[in-house]
Protein backbone atom coordinates (compact mmCIF):
# COMPACT_ATOMS: atom_id res chain seq x y z
CA UNK A 1 80.12 -0.60 8.87
CA UNK A 2 82.41 -3.22 10.28
CA UNK A 3 81.25 -5.46 13.11
CA UNK A 4 83.76 -3.86 15.48
CA UNK A 5 82.50 -0.36 14.76
CA UNK A 6 78.88 -1.49 15.10
CA UNK A 7 79.67 -3.08 18.45
CA UNK A 8 81.23 0.20 19.61
CA UNK A 9 78.21 2.20 18.43
CA UNK A 10 75.90 -0.25 20.16
CA UNK A 11 77.90 0.00 23.39
CA UNK A 12 77.92 3.82 23.24
CA UNK A 13 74.15 3.85 22.60
CA UNK A 14 73.54 1.61 25.59
CA UNK A 15 75.82 3.66 27.82
CA UNK A 16 74.17 6.96 26.89
CA UNK A 17 70.72 5.47 27.47
CA UNK A 18 71.83 4.13 30.85
CA UNK A 19 73.39 7.50 31.76
CA UNK A 20 70.15 9.32 30.93
CA UNK A 21 68.06 6.79 32.85
CA UNK A 22 70.38 6.92 35.85
CA UNK A 23 70.60 10.70 35.76
CA UNK A 24 66.84 11.07 35.69
CA UNK A 25 66.42 8.53 38.47
CA UNK A 26 69.02 10.20 40.69
CA UNK A 27 67.71 13.72 40.12
CA UNK A 28 64.07 12.77 40.71
CA UNK A 29 64.52 10.50 43.69
CA UNK A 30 67.52 12.03 45.48
CA UNK A 31 68.48 15.55 44.39
CA UNK A 32 65.14 17.32 44.02
CA UNK A 33 63.68 15.99 47.30
CA UNK A 34 66.95 16.62 49.14
CA UNK A 35 67.05 20.24 47.96
CA UNK A 36 63.64 20.87 49.50
CA UNK A 37 64.49 19.01 52.72
CA UNK A 38 67.86 20.66 53.35
CA UNK A 39 67.25 24.23 52.13
CA UNK A 40 64.72 26.81 53.30
CA UNK A 41 61.67 26.89 50.99
CA UNK A 42 62.45 30.19 49.25
CA UNK A 43 66.12 29.26 48.72
CA UNK A 44 65.18 25.80 47.46
CA UNK A 45 62.73 27.29 44.97
CA UNK A 46 65.32 29.73 43.61
CA UNK A 47 67.98 27.02 43.45
CA UNK A 48 65.79 24.50 41.65
CA UNK A 49 64.77 27.22 39.17
CA UNK A 50 68.45 27.64 38.31
CA UNK A 51 69.10 23.88 38.11
CA UNK A 52 66.23 22.83 35.85
CA UNK A 53 67.42 24.55 32.65
CA UNK A 54 70.74 22.71 33.00
CA UNK A 55 69.00 19.44 33.79
CA UNK A 56 66.81 19.72 30.70
CA UNK A 57 69.71 20.71 28.42
CA UNK A 58 72.04 18.02 29.72
CA UNK A 59 69.50 15.22 29.68
CA UNK A 60 68.15 16.38 26.32
CA UNK A 61 71.66 16.31 24.87
CA UNK A 62 72.39 12.85 26.24
CA UNK A 63 69.12 11.43 24.94
CA UNK A 64 69.63 13.11 21.54
CA UNK A 65 73.05 11.47 21.34
CA UNK A 66 71.45 8.15 22.30
CA UNK A 67 68.88 8.56 19.53
CA UNK A 68 71.60 9.28 16.97
CA UNK A 69 73.73 6.32 18.04
CA UNK A 70 70.71 4.03 18.06
CA UNK A 71 69.71 5.20 14.58
CA UNK A 72 73.19 4.28 13.37
CA UNK A 73 72.51 0.78 14.69
CA UNK A 74 70.15 0.10 11.80
CA UNK A 75 66.64 -1.33 11.72
CA UNK A 76 67.17 -3.45 14.84
CA UNK A 77 67.61 -0.27 16.91
CA UNK A 78 64.98 1.90 15.22
CA UNK A 79 62.28 1.46 17.89
CA UNK A 80 64.71 2.36 20.67
CA UNK A 81 65.92 5.35 18.62
CA UNK A 82 62.35 6.60 18.25
CA UNK A 83 61.78 6.27 22.01
CA UNK A 84 64.96 8.26 22.68
CA UNK A 85 63.75 10.91 20.21
CA UNK A 86 60.45 11.20 22.09
CA UNK A 87 62.33 11.63 25.36
CA UNK A 88 64.52 14.32 23.77
CA UNK A 89 61.43 16.16 22.56
CA UNK A 90 60.02 15.94 26.08
CA UNK A 91 63.10 17.68 27.47
CA UNK A 92 62.81 20.37 24.81
CA UNK A 93 59.10 20.88 25.60
CA UNK A 94 59.77 21.01 29.33
CA UNK A 95 62.59 23.54 29.00
CA UNK A 96 61.18 25.78 26.29
CA UNK A 97 57.46 25.72 27.06
CA UNK A 98 56.52 24.17 30.37
CA UNK A 99 59.25 25.63 32.60
CA UNK A 100 58.60 29.27 31.59
CA UNK A 101 54.87 28.80 32.24
CA UNK A 102 55.58 27.25 35.65
CA UNK A 103 57.89 30.13 36.54
CA UNK A 104 55.32 32.67 35.36
CA UNK A 105 52.61 31.06 37.50
CA UNK A 106 54.92 31.10 40.53
CA UNK A 107 56.02 34.71 39.93
CA UNK A 108 52.44 35.92 39.48
CA UNK A 109 51.17 34.06 42.54
CA UNK A 110 48.84 31.71 40.66
CA UNK A 111 49.00 28.69 42.98
CA UNK A 112 46.34 26.61 41.19
CA UNK A 113 47.97 27.11 37.80
CA UNK A 114 51.41 26.45 39.29
CA UNK A 115 50.18 23.24 40.92
CA UNK A 116 48.61 21.99 37.69
CA UNK A 117 51.67 22.84 35.56
CA UNK A 118 54.04 21.34 38.12
CA UNK A 119 51.97 18.15 38.18
CA UNK A 120 52.12 18.08 34.35
CA UNK A 121 55.92 18.42 34.48
CA UNK A 122 56.11 15.49 36.91
CA UNK A 123 53.96 13.38 34.58
CA UNK A 124 56.09 14.33 31.55
CA UNK A 125 59.25 13.42 33.46
CA UNK A 126 57.72 10.11 34.55
CA UNK A 127 56.68 9.30 30.98
CA UNK A 128 60.20 10.10 29.77
CA UNK A 129 61.64 7.82 32.44
CA UNK A 130 59.37 4.97 31.35
CA UNK A 131 60.25 5.52 27.68
CA UNK A 132 63.95 5.35 28.54
CA UNK A 133 63.35 2.15 30.51
CA UNK A 134 61.59 0.68 27.47
CA UNK A 135 64.45 1.75 25.19
CA UNK A 136 66.95 0.09 27.55
CA UNK A 137 64.92 -3.12 27.50
CA UNK A 138 64.94 -3.06 23.70
CA UNK A 139 68.70 -2.49 23.59
CA UNK A 140 69.61 -4.98 26.30
CA UNK A 141 66.96 -7.57 25.52
């Protein structure tokens, strides 16, 4: 690939990583808490249940695109591409496995199970955020 094309791929990879990192940061620190502060508890719970599938799909798509673009960047971007792949897999796991189990625990009034699964989802999201931060450092550093 020409140097110009590689520079464009590198820029696009950095922008998609930054978008995912920023999106995760905004959702976790502003949107989710605000939903529970401004809406009644039952309404907030129903609303967040509708939002999370879209969050996971959108962020998973952006991080998958990041991984692809980083992989096109050659060996110098391979570590960052692998981190982005791990983050993408985390979104898939959260949407396809963890979220249905959380919803089931909530629907079947299993507060201890819900609490444990919710805590796990927070830890997964935090790990994904740290992996994206590491990928950004690799790309920008």
